[in-house]
N, C-alpha and C. Protein backbone atom coordinates (compact mmCIF):
# COMPACT_ATOMS: atom_id res chain seq x y z
N MET A 1 0.85 -1.18 0.00
CA MET A 1 0.00 0.00 0.00
C MET A 1 0.88 1.24 0.00
N GLY A 2 0.66 2.13 -0.94
CA GLY A 2 1.49 3.32 -1.03
C GLY A 2 1.00 4.42 -0.09
N TYR A 3 1.92 5.28 0.27
CA TYR A 3 1.60 6.41 1.14
C TYR A 3 1.56 7.68 0.30
N VAL A 4 0.56 8.48 0.55
CA VAL A 4 0.40 9.74 -0.16
C VAL A 4 0.94 10.86 0.72
N THR A 5 1.92 11.56 0.23
CA THR A 5 2.52 12.67 0.97
C THR A 5 1.78 13.96 0.66
N ALA A 6 1.32 14.59 1.70
CA ALA A 6 0.59 15.85 1.51
C ALA A 6 1.56 16.96 1.12
N VAL A 7 1.24 17.64 0.06
CA VAL A 7 2.07 18.75 -0.42
C VAL A 7 1.49 20.06 0.11
N PRO A 8 2.27 20.84 0.83
CA PRO A 8 1.75 22.10 1.37
C PRO A 8 1.39 23.08 0.26
N ASP A 9 0.33 23.80 0.49
CA ASP A 9 -0.13 24.79 -0.47
C ASP A 9 0.74 26.05 -0.35
N PRO A 10 1.46 26.43 -1.41
CA PRO A 10 2.31 27.63 -1.32
C PRO A 10 1.52 28.88 -0.99
N ARG A 11 0.26 28.94 -1.42
CA ARG A 11 -0.53 30.13 -1.16
C ARG A 11 -0.83 30.29 0.33
N SER A 12 -1.13 29.16 1.00
CA SER A 12 -1.41 29.24 2.43
C SER A 12 -0.16 29.59 3.22
N GLU A 13 1.01 29.07 2.77
CA GLU A 13 2.26 29.41 3.45
C GLU A 13 2.60 30.88 3.28
N ALA A 14 2.32 31.43 2.12
CA ALA A 14 2.60 32.85 1.88
C ALA A 14 1.63 33.75 2.62
N ALA A 15 0.40 33.25 2.85
CA ALA A 15 -0.61 34.07 3.51
C ALA A 15 -0.41 34.12 5.02
N ALA A 16 0.28 33.13 5.58
CA ALA A 16 0.45 33.10 7.04
C ALA A 16 1.19 34.31 7.58
N PRO A 17 2.35 34.71 6.99
CA PRO A 17 3.00 35.93 7.49
C PRO A 17 2.13 37.17 7.35
N ALA A 18 1.35 37.24 6.28
CA ALA A 18 0.49 38.41 6.08
C ALA A 18 -0.57 38.49 7.18
N ARG A 19 -1.14 37.32 7.55
CA ARG A 19 -2.12 37.32 8.64
C ARG A 19 -1.49 37.73 9.96
N SER A 20 -0.29 37.22 10.22
CA SER A 20 0.41 37.60 11.45
C SER A 20 0.70 39.09 11.48
N GLY A 21 1.08 39.62 10.32
CA GLY A 21 1.36 41.05 10.24
C GLY A 21 0.13 41.89 10.52
N ARG A 22 -1.03 41.49 9.95
CA ARG A 22 -2.25 42.26 10.17
C ARG A 22 -2.70 42.20 11.62
N ARG A 23 -2.63 41.01 12.21
CA ARG A 23 -3.06 40.87 13.60
C ARG A 23 -2.15 41.64 14.55
N SER A 24 -0.84 41.50 14.35
CA SER A 24 0.09 42.21 15.23
C SER A 24 -0.02 43.71 15.05
N LEU A 25 -0.27 44.17 13.82
CA LEU A 25 -0.43 45.60 13.56
C LEU A 25 -1.65 46.14 14.30
N ALA A 26 -2.77 45.43 14.19
CA ALA A 26 -3.99 45.89 14.87
C ALA A 26 -3.79 45.91 16.38
N LEU A 27 -3.13 44.87 16.91
CA LEU A 27 -2.91 44.81 18.35
C LEU A 27 -1.96 45.91 18.82
N ALA A 28 -0.90 46.16 18.05
CA ALA A 28 0.06 47.21 18.42
C ALA A 28 -0.58 48.58 18.40
N LEU A 29 -1.38 48.87 17.38
CA LEU A 29 -2.06 50.16 17.31
C LEU A 29 -3.01 50.35 18.49
N MET A 30 -3.75 49.29 18.82
CA MET A 30 -4.69 49.38 19.94
C MET A 30 -3.95 49.59 21.26
N CYS A 31 -2.91 48.79 21.49
CA CYS A 31 -2.15 48.90 22.74
C CYS A 31 -1.45 50.25 22.86
N GLY A 32 -0.80 50.68 21.78
CA GLY A 32 -0.07 51.94 21.83
C GLY A 32 -0.98 53.14 22.07
N ALA A 33 -2.08 53.21 21.31
CA ALA A 33 -2.99 54.34 21.45
C ALA A 33 -3.68 54.33 22.82
N LEU A 34 -4.14 53.14 23.24
CA LEU A 34 -4.81 53.04 24.53
C LEU A 34 -3.85 53.32 25.68
N GLY A 35 -2.62 52.79 25.58
CA GLY A 35 -1.64 53.02 26.63
C GLY A 35 -1.29 54.49 26.79
N ALA A 36 -1.10 55.18 25.67
CA ALA A 36 -0.79 56.61 25.74
C ALA A 36 -1.95 57.40 26.34
N ALA A 37 -3.18 57.06 25.93
CA ALA A 37 -4.34 57.76 26.46
C ALA A 37 -4.49 57.53 27.96
N VAL A 38 -4.27 56.29 28.40
CA VAL A 38 -4.40 55.97 29.83
C VAL A 38 -3.33 56.71 30.63
N ALA A 39 -2.10 56.72 30.14
CA ALA A 39 -1.02 57.39 30.86
C ALA A 39 -1.27 58.90 30.96
N LEU A 40 -1.73 59.50 29.87
CA LEU A 40 -2.00 60.94 29.89
C LEU A 40 -3.16 61.27 30.81
N LEU A 41 -4.20 60.46 30.75
CA LEU A 41 -5.36 60.70 31.62
C LEU A 41 -4.99 60.54 33.09
N SER A 42 -4.16 59.57 33.39
CA SER A 42 -3.80 59.29 34.78
C SER A 42 -3.04 60.44 35.41
N THR A 43 -2.19 61.11 34.64
CA THR A 43 -1.39 62.19 35.21
C THR A 43 -2.23 63.41 35.58
N ARG A 44 -3.47 63.46 35.12
CA ARG A 44 -4.35 64.57 35.46
C ARG A 44 -5.20 64.28 36.69
N GLN A 45 -5.03 63.10 37.25
CA GLN A 45 -5.81 62.71 38.42
C GLN A 45 -4.98 62.89 39.70
N ARG A 46 -5.66 62.72 40.83
CA ARG A 46 -5.00 62.87 42.13
C ARG A 46 -4.15 61.63 42.42
N TRP A 47 -2.87 61.84 42.63
CA TRP A 47 -1.95 60.74 42.90
C TRP A 47 -1.66 60.57 44.38
N SER A 48 -1.54 61.66 45.12
CA SER A 48 -1.14 61.55 46.53
C SER A 48 -1.90 62.55 47.37
N GLU A 49 -1.94 62.28 48.66
CA GLU A 49 -2.63 63.15 49.59
C GLU A 49 -1.96 63.05 50.96
N GLY A 50 -2.16 64.07 51.75
CA GLY A 50 -1.57 64.11 53.09
C GLY A 50 -2.10 65.31 53.85
N THR A 51 -1.48 65.62 54.97
CA THR A 51 -1.92 66.75 55.78
C THR A 51 -0.72 67.61 56.16
N ALA A 52 -0.98 68.90 56.31
CA ALA A 52 0.04 69.84 56.77
C ALA A 52 -0.39 70.37 58.14
N THR A 53 0.55 70.40 59.06
CA THR A 53 0.26 70.82 60.42
C THR A 53 0.68 72.27 60.62
N VAL A 54 -0.25 73.10 61.06
CA VAL A 54 0.02 74.51 61.36
C VAL A 54 -0.43 74.78 62.79
N ALA A 55 -0.24 76.02 63.19
CA ALA A 55 -0.57 76.36 64.59
C ALA A 55 -2.05 76.14 64.90
N GLY A 56 -2.90 76.41 63.95
CA GLY A 56 -4.33 76.26 64.18
C GLY A 56 -4.83 74.85 64.00
N GLY A 57 -3.99 73.93 63.64
CA GLY A 57 -4.41 72.55 63.41
C GLY A 57 -3.77 71.99 62.15
N SER A 58 -4.49 71.16 61.46
CA SER A 58 -3.98 70.54 60.24
C SER A 58 -5.05 70.59 59.16
N PHE A 59 -4.61 70.63 57.92
CA PHE A 59 -5.56 70.63 56.80
C PHE A 59 -5.01 69.75 55.69
N PRO A 60 -5.90 69.18 54.88
CA PRO A 60 -5.47 68.21 53.87
C PRO A 60 -4.81 68.87 52.66
N LEU A 61 -3.91 68.12 52.04
CA LEU A 61 -3.23 68.54 50.81
C LEU A 61 -3.34 67.41 49.79
N THR A 62 -3.45 67.76 48.54
CA THR A 62 -3.49 66.77 47.47
C THR A 62 -2.57 67.21 46.33
N ALA A 63 -2.12 66.23 45.54
CA ALA A 63 -1.25 66.52 44.40
C ALA A 63 -1.66 65.65 43.22
N LYS A 64 -1.76 66.26 42.06
CA LYS A 64 -2.05 65.51 40.84
C LYS A 64 -0.78 64.84 40.32
N GLY A 65 -0.98 63.92 39.38
CA GLY A 65 0.17 63.22 38.81
C GLY A 65 1.13 64.17 38.12
N SER A 66 0.59 65.18 37.43
CA SER A 66 1.46 66.14 36.75
C SER A 66 2.25 66.99 37.73
N ASP A 67 1.74 67.13 38.97
CA ASP A 67 2.49 67.85 40.00
C ASP A 67 3.63 67.00 40.54
N VAL A 68 3.41 65.69 40.57
CA VAL A 68 4.42 64.78 41.11
C VAL A 68 5.56 64.58 40.12
N THR A 69 5.21 64.26 38.87
CA THR A 69 6.22 64.03 37.83
C THR A 69 5.60 64.25 36.47
N GLY A 70 6.35 64.86 35.58
CA GLY A 70 5.88 65.08 34.21
C GLY A 70 6.39 64.04 33.23
N VAL A 71 7.16 63.07 33.74
CA VAL A 71 7.78 62.09 32.85
C VAL A 71 6.76 61.17 32.17
N PRO A 72 5.78 60.59 32.90
CA PRO A 72 4.84 59.69 32.21
C PRO A 72 4.09 60.35 31.06
N ALA A 73 3.63 61.59 31.26
CA ALA A 73 2.90 62.26 30.19
C ALA A 73 3.81 62.53 29.00
N ALA A 74 5.04 62.98 29.27
CA ALA A 74 5.97 63.27 28.17
C ALA A 74 6.30 62.01 27.39
N LEU A 75 6.56 60.92 28.09
CA LEU A 75 6.91 59.67 27.41
C LEU A 75 5.71 59.07 26.68
N ALA A 76 4.52 59.29 27.19
CA ALA A 76 3.34 58.82 26.49
C ALA A 76 3.20 59.51 25.14
N ILE A 77 3.50 60.81 25.09
CA ILE A 77 3.45 61.55 23.83
C ILE A 77 4.56 61.07 22.89
N VAL A 78 5.74 60.82 23.44
CA VAL A 78 6.84 60.30 22.62
C VAL A 78 6.47 58.93 22.05
N GLY A 79 5.88 58.08 22.88
CA GLY A 79 5.49 56.76 22.42
C GLY A 79 4.44 56.83 21.33
N LEU A 80 3.48 57.74 21.47
CA LEU A 80 2.44 57.88 20.45
C LEU A 80 3.04 58.36 19.14
N ALA A 81 3.98 59.30 19.21
CA ALA A 81 4.65 59.78 18.00
C ALA A 81 5.48 58.68 17.35
N ALA A 82 6.14 57.86 18.18
CA ALA A 82 6.93 56.75 17.63
C ALA A 82 6.04 55.72 16.97
N LEU A 83 4.86 55.49 17.53
CA LEU A 83 3.93 54.53 16.94
C LEU A 83 3.51 54.97 15.54
N VAL A 84 3.30 56.26 15.36
CA VAL A 84 2.94 56.78 14.03
C VAL A 84 4.15 56.74 13.10
N ALA A 85 5.34 57.05 13.65
CA ALA A 85 6.55 57.11 12.82
C ALA A 85 6.99 55.74 12.34
N VAL A 86 6.52 54.69 12.97
CA VAL A 86 6.90 53.33 12.54
C VAL A 86 6.54 53.12 11.07
N PHE A 87 5.45 53.70 10.63
CA PHE A 87 4.97 53.48 9.26
C PHE A 87 5.66 54.39 8.24
N ALA A 88 6.45 55.34 8.72
CA ALA A 88 7.13 56.26 7.81
C ALA A 88 8.56 55.82 7.51
N VAL A 89 9.06 54.80 8.19
CA VAL A 89 10.43 54.35 8.00
C VAL A 89 10.43 52.86 7.68
N ARG A 90 11.59 52.39 7.25
CA ARG A 90 11.73 50.98 6.89
C ARG A 90 13.05 50.44 7.41
N ARG A 91 13.14 49.13 7.42
CA ARG A 91 14.35 48.39 7.76
C ARG A 91 14.94 48.86 9.10
N ALA A 92 16.20 49.34 9.08
CA ALA A 92 16.87 49.72 10.33
C ALA A 92 16.16 50.87 11.02
N GLY A 93 15.62 51.80 10.25
CA GLY A 93 14.90 52.92 10.85
C GLY A 93 13.66 52.45 11.60
N ARG A 94 12.99 51.45 11.08
CA ARG A 94 11.80 50.92 11.76
C ARG A 94 12.18 50.25 13.06
N HIS A 95 13.29 49.53 13.08
CA HIS A 95 13.75 48.90 14.33
C HIS A 95 14.10 49.96 15.36
N LEU A 96 14.73 51.04 14.92
CA LEU A 96 15.11 52.10 15.84
C LEU A 96 13.88 52.77 16.45
N VAL A 97 12.91 53.09 15.62
CA VAL A 97 11.69 53.75 16.12
C VAL A 97 10.92 52.79 17.02
N SER A 98 10.91 51.50 16.68
CA SER A 98 10.23 50.52 17.53
C SER A 98 10.90 50.43 18.90
N ALA A 99 12.22 50.53 18.91
CA ALA A 99 12.94 50.52 20.19
C ALA A 99 12.60 51.75 21.02
N VAL A 100 12.47 52.91 20.37
CA VAL A 100 12.07 54.13 21.07
C VAL A 100 10.67 53.95 21.67
N LEU A 101 9.78 53.31 20.93
CA LEU A 101 8.43 53.05 21.41
C LEU A 101 8.46 52.16 22.65
N ALA A 102 9.25 51.10 22.60
CA ALA A 102 9.34 50.20 23.75
C ALA A 102 9.96 50.90 24.96
N LEU A 103 11.01 51.68 24.72
CA LEU A 103 11.67 52.38 25.82
C LEU A 103 10.75 53.44 26.44
N SER A 104 9.88 54.02 25.64
CA SER A 104 8.91 54.97 26.18
C SER A 104 7.99 54.28 27.18
N GLY A 105 7.60 53.05 26.85
CA GLY A 105 6.78 52.29 27.78
C GLY A 105 7.52 51.97 29.07
N VAL A 106 8.79 51.56 28.94
CA VAL A 106 9.60 51.25 30.13
C VAL A 106 9.75 52.49 31.00
N GLY A 107 10.06 53.62 30.39
CA GLY A 107 10.21 54.86 31.15
C GLY A 107 8.93 55.28 31.86
N THR A 108 7.79 55.09 31.19
CA THR A 108 6.51 55.42 31.80
C THR A 108 6.25 54.55 33.03
N ILE A 109 6.56 53.27 32.92
CA ILE A 109 6.37 52.35 34.04
C ILE A 109 7.22 52.76 35.23
N VAL A 110 8.49 53.00 34.98
CA VAL A 110 9.42 53.34 36.07
C VAL A 110 9.01 54.66 36.73
N ALA A 111 8.71 55.66 35.92
CA ALA A 111 8.36 56.98 36.47
C ALA A 111 7.07 56.91 37.28
N ALA A 112 6.10 56.14 36.81
CA ALA A 112 4.83 56.04 37.55
C ALA A 112 5.01 55.33 38.88
N LEU A 113 5.80 54.26 38.89
CA LEU A 113 6.04 53.54 40.13
C LEU A 113 6.81 54.39 41.13
N LEU A 114 7.79 55.13 40.66
CA LEU A 114 8.53 56.01 41.56
C LEU A 114 7.64 57.16 42.07
N GLY A 115 6.75 57.62 41.21
CA GLY A 115 5.87 58.72 41.61
C GLY A 115 4.87 58.32 42.69
N ALA A 116 4.58 57.02 42.78
CA ALA A 116 3.62 56.58 43.80
C ALA A 116 4.12 56.84 45.21
N SER A 117 5.42 56.84 45.40
CA SER A 117 5.99 57.06 46.74
C SER A 117 6.70 58.41 46.87
N ASP A 118 6.50 59.28 45.90
CA ASP A 118 7.16 60.59 45.91
C ASP A 118 6.27 61.60 46.63
N SER A 119 6.77 62.16 47.72
CA SER A 119 6.00 63.14 48.50
C SER A 119 6.52 64.56 48.32
N SER A 120 7.43 64.77 47.38
CA SER A 120 8.05 66.09 47.23
C SER A 120 7.03 67.16 46.86
N ALA A 121 6.05 66.82 46.00
CA ALA A 121 5.05 67.81 45.61
C ALA A 121 4.22 68.25 46.82
N LEU A 122 3.86 67.31 47.69
CA LEU A 122 3.10 67.66 48.89
C LEU A 122 3.97 68.40 49.90
N ASP A 123 5.24 68.05 49.96
CA ASP A 123 6.14 68.76 50.87
C ASP A 123 6.25 70.24 50.49
N GLU A 124 6.29 70.51 49.19
CA GLU A 124 6.35 71.90 48.75
C GLU A 124 5.08 72.64 49.14
N GLN A 125 3.94 71.99 49.01
CA GLN A 125 2.69 72.62 49.41
C GLN A 125 2.65 72.86 50.92
N ALA A 126 3.16 71.89 51.68
CA ALA A 126 3.19 72.05 53.14
C ALA A 126 4.10 73.21 53.54
N ALA A 127 5.23 73.36 52.86
CA ALA A 127 6.15 74.45 53.17
C ALA A 127 5.51 75.80 52.88
N LYS A 128 4.75 75.89 51.78
CA LYS A 128 4.09 77.15 51.45
C LYS A 128 2.96 77.45 52.44
N ALA A 129 2.25 76.39 52.85
CA ALA A 129 1.11 76.60 53.75
C ALA A 129 1.55 77.02 55.15
N THR A 130 2.65 76.48 55.62
CA THR A 130 3.12 76.77 56.97
C THR A 130 4.11 77.93 57.02
N GLY A 131 4.68 78.27 55.89
CA GLY A 131 5.70 79.32 55.87
C GLY A 131 7.04 78.84 56.38
N ASP A 132 7.17 77.53 56.54
CA ASP A 132 8.42 76.93 57.02
C ASP A 132 8.97 76.04 55.91
N THR A 133 10.14 76.41 55.40
CA THR A 133 10.71 75.64 54.29
C THR A 133 11.09 74.22 54.70
N ALA A 134 11.25 73.96 55.99
CA ALA A 134 11.61 72.63 56.47
C ALA A 134 10.39 71.77 56.77
N SER A 135 9.21 72.33 56.62
CA SER A 135 7.99 71.59 56.92
C SER A 135 7.73 70.51 55.87
N THR A 136 7.25 69.38 56.30
CA THR A 136 6.92 68.27 55.40
C THR A 136 5.51 67.80 55.66
N VAL A 137 4.97 67.08 54.70
CA VAL A 137 3.61 66.58 54.81
C VAL A 137 3.57 65.38 55.76
N THR A 138 2.45 65.24 56.44
CA THR A 138 2.26 64.08 57.32
C THR A 138 1.07 63.26 56.81
N ALA A 139 0.97 62.04 57.32
CA ALA A 139 -0.10 61.13 56.91
C ALA A 139 -0.14 60.97 55.39
N PHE A 140 1.04 60.80 54.80
CA PHE A 140 1.15 60.69 53.34
C PHE A 140 0.55 59.36 52.86
N SER A 141 -0.20 59.43 51.76
CA SER A 141 -0.74 58.22 51.12
C SER A 141 -0.92 58.50 49.63
N HIS A 142 -1.06 57.45 48.85
CA HIS A 142 -1.24 57.62 47.41
C HIS A 142 -2.49 56.88 46.95
N THR A 143 -2.99 57.28 45.81
CA THR A 143 -4.19 56.66 45.23
C THR A 143 -3.77 55.55 44.26
N ALA A 144 -4.73 55.01 43.54
CA ALA A 144 -4.45 53.95 42.57
C ALA A 144 -4.03 54.49 41.21
N TRP A 145 -4.09 55.81 41.02
CA TRP A 145 -3.80 56.36 39.70
C TRP A 145 -2.36 56.16 39.24
N PRO A 146 -1.36 56.17 40.12
CA PRO A 146 -0.01 55.86 39.63
C PRO A 146 0.09 54.47 39.01
N TYR A 147 -0.68 53.53 39.53
CA TYR A 147 -0.65 52.17 38.98
C TYR A 147 -1.44 52.08 37.68
N VAL A 148 -2.44 52.95 37.55
CA VAL A 148 -3.14 53.03 36.25
C VAL A 148 -2.19 53.56 35.19
N ALA A 149 -1.38 54.56 35.55
CA ALA A 149 -0.37 55.05 34.62
C ALA A 149 0.66 53.97 34.30
N THR A 150 0.97 53.15 35.29
CA THR A 150 1.89 52.03 35.05
C THR A 150 1.30 51.06 34.03
N ALA A 151 0.00 50.80 34.15
CA ALA A 151 -0.66 49.92 33.18
C ALA A 151 -0.60 50.51 31.77
N GLY A 152 -0.74 51.84 31.67
CA GLY A 152 -0.59 52.48 30.36
C GLY A 152 0.80 52.29 29.80
N GLY A 153 1.81 52.38 30.68
CA GLY A 153 3.18 52.13 30.22
C GLY A 153 3.38 50.71 29.75
N VAL A 154 2.73 49.76 30.41
CA VAL A 154 2.84 48.36 29.99
C VAL A 154 2.26 48.17 28.59
N LEU A 155 1.14 48.83 28.31
CA LEU A 155 0.54 48.74 26.98
C LEU A 155 1.45 49.35 25.91
N ILE A 156 2.08 50.47 26.24
CA ILE A 156 3.02 51.10 25.29
C ILE A 156 4.21 50.18 25.05
N LEU A 157 4.71 49.57 26.12
CA LEU A 157 5.82 48.63 25.98
C LEU A 157 5.43 47.44 25.10
N LEU A 158 4.23 46.93 25.29
CA LEU A 158 3.76 45.81 24.47
C LEU A 158 3.70 46.20 23.00
N ALA A 159 3.24 47.42 22.72
CA ALA A 159 3.20 47.89 21.33
C ALA A 159 4.61 47.95 20.74
N GLY A 160 5.57 48.40 21.54
CA GLY A 160 6.95 48.45 21.06
C GLY A 160 7.53 47.07 20.80
N LEU A 161 7.23 46.12 21.66
CA LEU A 161 7.72 44.76 21.46
C LEU A 161 7.10 44.13 20.22
N LEU A 162 5.82 44.39 20.00
CA LEU A 162 5.18 43.88 18.78
C LEU A 162 5.81 44.50 17.54
N ALA A 163 6.14 45.79 17.61
CA ALA A 163 6.77 46.45 16.47
C ALA A 163 8.16 45.88 16.21
N LEU A 164 8.89 45.56 17.27
CA LEU A 164 10.21 44.97 17.09
C LEU A 164 10.12 43.57 16.49
N ARG A 165 9.11 42.83 16.89
CA ARG A 165 9.00 41.43 16.45
C ARG A 165 8.36 41.31 15.06
N TYR A 166 7.31 42.07 14.81
CA TYR A 166 6.54 41.91 13.57
C TYR A 166 6.58 43.14 12.66
N GLY A 167 7.34 44.16 13.04
CA GLY A 167 7.33 45.39 12.26
C GLY A 167 7.74 45.22 10.80
N ARG A 168 8.58 44.23 10.53
CA ARG A 168 9.02 44.01 9.14
C ARG A 168 7.87 43.55 8.25
N LEU A 169 6.79 43.04 8.84
CA LEU A 169 5.64 42.58 8.07
C LEU A 169 4.60 43.66 7.88
N TRP A 170 4.79 44.80 8.52
CA TRP A 170 3.79 45.86 8.44
C TRP A 170 4.00 46.70 7.19
N PRO A 171 2.92 47.30 6.67
CA PRO A 171 3.07 48.16 5.49
C PRO A 171 3.78 49.44 5.84
N ALA A 172 4.38 50.05 4.82
CA ALA A 172 5.06 51.33 4.98
C ALA A 172 4.28 52.40 4.25
N MET A 173 4.63 53.65 4.49
CA MET A 173 3.99 54.76 3.82
C MET A 173 4.16 54.62 2.31
N SER A 174 3.13 54.99 1.57
CA SER A 174 3.14 54.82 0.12
C SER A 174 4.32 55.54 -0.51
N GLY A 175 4.88 54.92 -1.56
CA GLY A 175 6.06 55.46 -2.21
C GLY A 175 5.82 56.79 -2.90
N ARG A 176 4.54 57.11 -3.17
CA ARG A 176 4.30 58.37 -3.88
C ARG A 176 4.62 59.57 -3.00
N TYR A 177 4.56 59.36 -1.65
CA TYR A 177 4.93 60.46 -0.76
C TYR A 177 6.43 60.68 -0.76
N GLU A 178 7.18 59.58 -0.92
CA GLU A 178 8.62 59.70 -0.93
C GLU A 178 9.13 60.38 -2.19
N ARG A 179 8.37 60.27 -3.29
CA ARG A 179 8.80 60.85 -4.56
C ARG A 179 8.12 62.18 -4.83
N ALA A 180 7.49 62.74 -3.79
CA ALA A 180 6.70 63.96 -4.02
C ALA A 180 7.58 65.11 -4.50
N GLY A 181 8.83 65.17 -4.01
CA GLY A 181 9.70 66.28 -4.38
C GLY A 181 10.58 66.01 -5.58
N ALA A 182 10.49 64.84 -6.17
CA ALA A 182 11.34 64.50 -7.30
C ALA A 182 10.83 65.19 -8.55
N PRO A 183 11.72 65.69 -9.42
CA PRO A 183 11.26 66.35 -10.64
C PRO A 183 10.61 65.36 -11.59
N ARG A 184 9.56 65.81 -12.25
CA ARG A 184 8.87 64.94 -13.20
C ARG A 184 9.68 64.82 -14.48
N PRO A 185 9.67 63.64 -15.09
CA PRO A 185 10.40 63.49 -16.35
C PRO A 185 9.78 64.34 -17.45
N ARG A 186 10.66 64.90 -18.28
CA ARG A 186 10.20 65.77 -19.36
C ARG A 186 9.59 64.93 -20.47
N ARG A 187 8.42 65.40 -20.91
CA ARG A 187 7.76 64.68 -21.99
C ARG A 187 8.52 64.83 -23.30
N ALA A 188 8.49 63.77 -24.07
CA ALA A 188 9.15 63.82 -25.37
C ALA A 188 8.38 64.72 -26.32
N ALA A 189 9.10 65.46 -27.13
CA ALA A 189 8.45 66.38 -28.07
C ALA A 189 7.70 65.58 -29.12
N PRO A 190 6.51 66.05 -29.52
CA PRO A 190 5.76 65.33 -30.56
C PRO A 190 6.49 65.35 -31.89
N ALA A 191 6.22 64.31 -32.65
CA ALA A 191 6.87 64.22 -33.97
C ALA A 191 6.36 65.32 -34.89
N VAL A 192 7.28 65.84 -35.73
CA VAL A 192 6.95 66.95 -36.64
C VAL A 192 6.68 66.39 -38.02
N ASP A 193 5.51 66.76 -38.54
CA ASP A 193 5.16 66.34 -39.90
C ASP A 193 5.58 67.47 -40.85
N PRO A 194 6.59 67.24 -41.71
CA PRO A 194 7.07 68.32 -42.60
C PRO A 194 6.03 68.79 -43.60
N ASP A 195 4.97 68.01 -43.81
CA ASP A 195 3.94 68.40 -44.76
C ASP A 195 2.87 69.29 -44.13
N ARG A 196 3.00 69.52 -42.80
CA ARG A 196 2.01 70.35 -42.11
C ARG A 196 2.70 71.63 -41.60
N PRO A 197 2.40 72.77 -42.17
CA PRO A 197 3.09 74.01 -41.78
C PRO A 197 2.91 74.36 -40.30
N GLU A 198 1.71 74.01 -39.75
CA GLU A 198 1.51 74.36 -38.34
C GLU A 198 2.47 73.61 -37.43
N ASP A 199 2.83 72.34 -37.79
CA ASP A 199 3.80 71.59 -37.00
C ASP A 199 5.18 72.22 -37.08
N LEU A 200 5.52 72.73 -38.28
CA LEU A 200 6.82 73.38 -38.43
C LEU A 200 6.92 74.63 -37.57
N TRP A 201 5.85 75.43 -37.54
CA TRP A 201 5.88 76.65 -36.74
C TRP A 201 5.94 76.33 -35.23
N LYS A 202 5.20 75.29 -34.81
CA LYS A 202 5.24 74.90 -33.39
C LYS A 202 6.63 74.43 -32.98
N ALA A 203 7.32 73.68 -33.88
CA ALA A 203 8.67 73.22 -33.58
C ALA A 203 9.63 74.40 -33.46
N LEU A 204 9.46 75.40 -34.35
CA LEU A 204 10.32 76.58 -34.27
C LEU A 204 10.07 77.35 -32.97
N ASP A 205 8.80 77.43 -32.56
CA ASP A 205 8.48 78.12 -31.30
C ASP A 205 9.13 77.42 -30.11
N ARG A 206 9.26 76.09 -30.17
CA ARG A 206 9.89 75.34 -29.07
C ARG A 206 11.40 75.40 -29.13
N GLY A 207 11.96 76.02 -30.17
CA GLY A 207 13.40 76.11 -30.31
C GLY A 207 13.99 74.86 -30.93
N GLU A 208 13.19 74.10 -31.67
CA GLU A 208 13.67 72.87 -32.29
C GLU A 208 13.87 73.08 -33.78
N ASP A 209 14.67 72.19 -34.34
CA ASP A 209 14.91 72.22 -35.78
C ASP A 209 13.94 71.24 -36.44
N PRO A 210 12.94 71.74 -37.14
CA PRO A 210 11.95 70.84 -37.75
C PRO A 210 12.53 69.91 -38.82
N THR A 211 13.71 70.28 -39.34
CA THR A 211 14.32 69.42 -40.36
C THR A 211 15.13 68.31 -39.74
N GLY A 212 15.45 68.41 -38.39
CA GLY A 212 16.22 67.38 -37.72
C GLY A 212 17.70 67.43 -38.00
N THR A 213 18.21 68.54 -38.59
CA THR A 213 19.62 68.62 -38.93
C THR A 213 20.44 69.37 -37.89
N GLY A 214 19.81 70.01 -36.94
CA GLY A 214 20.55 70.76 -35.94
C GLY A 214 19.62 71.66 -35.17
N PRO A 215 20.15 72.43 -34.19
CA PRO A 215 19.29 73.32 -33.40
C PRO A 215 18.74 74.44 -34.23
N ALA A 216 17.51 74.86 -33.82
CA ALA A 216 16.86 75.93 -34.60
C ALA A 216 17.54 77.26 -34.31
């Protein structure tokens, strides 16, 4: 009894990388855009709170994420720009931009985690409220928003890793944009019919020799 060997379909093998590219592209775009939006939104929320003690008692103080650190918001914008720039470059340039995207996510994560325990913004408020530059905030605590910003950084990092792994399969900006500034080729002059006087006059107006023997 003979054995029949299954021959793989070349079309299905060629389509597999294309499917992977489309799926990874959609996932990277979703993660990058969502991560940047989450990180930016988080920095506008209340990150930490505490109390300042004065002669008349104590009163509460709060600080937003942007007061604590501006790094997550800045890196979220850098990551979003890198995500868009991935499609404008190719080969080594795409790997470089993808690395910038991933590093933006890492930086956002680190800055958000450090900001969760940073009381410097509240200390400055306490010093202004008490009039004592050495005064510090008491009963310091933080909210969940620094960790939400951390989650945004994780999404940006994931988008960068996807770009590094599958970016070579993604489409690039159309070539017509790259050739936008290139000069257009000059059209060839129409053939001159010596039996038609109007063609002879048009050739002379263009500075051509209608007889073909030399410049007009």
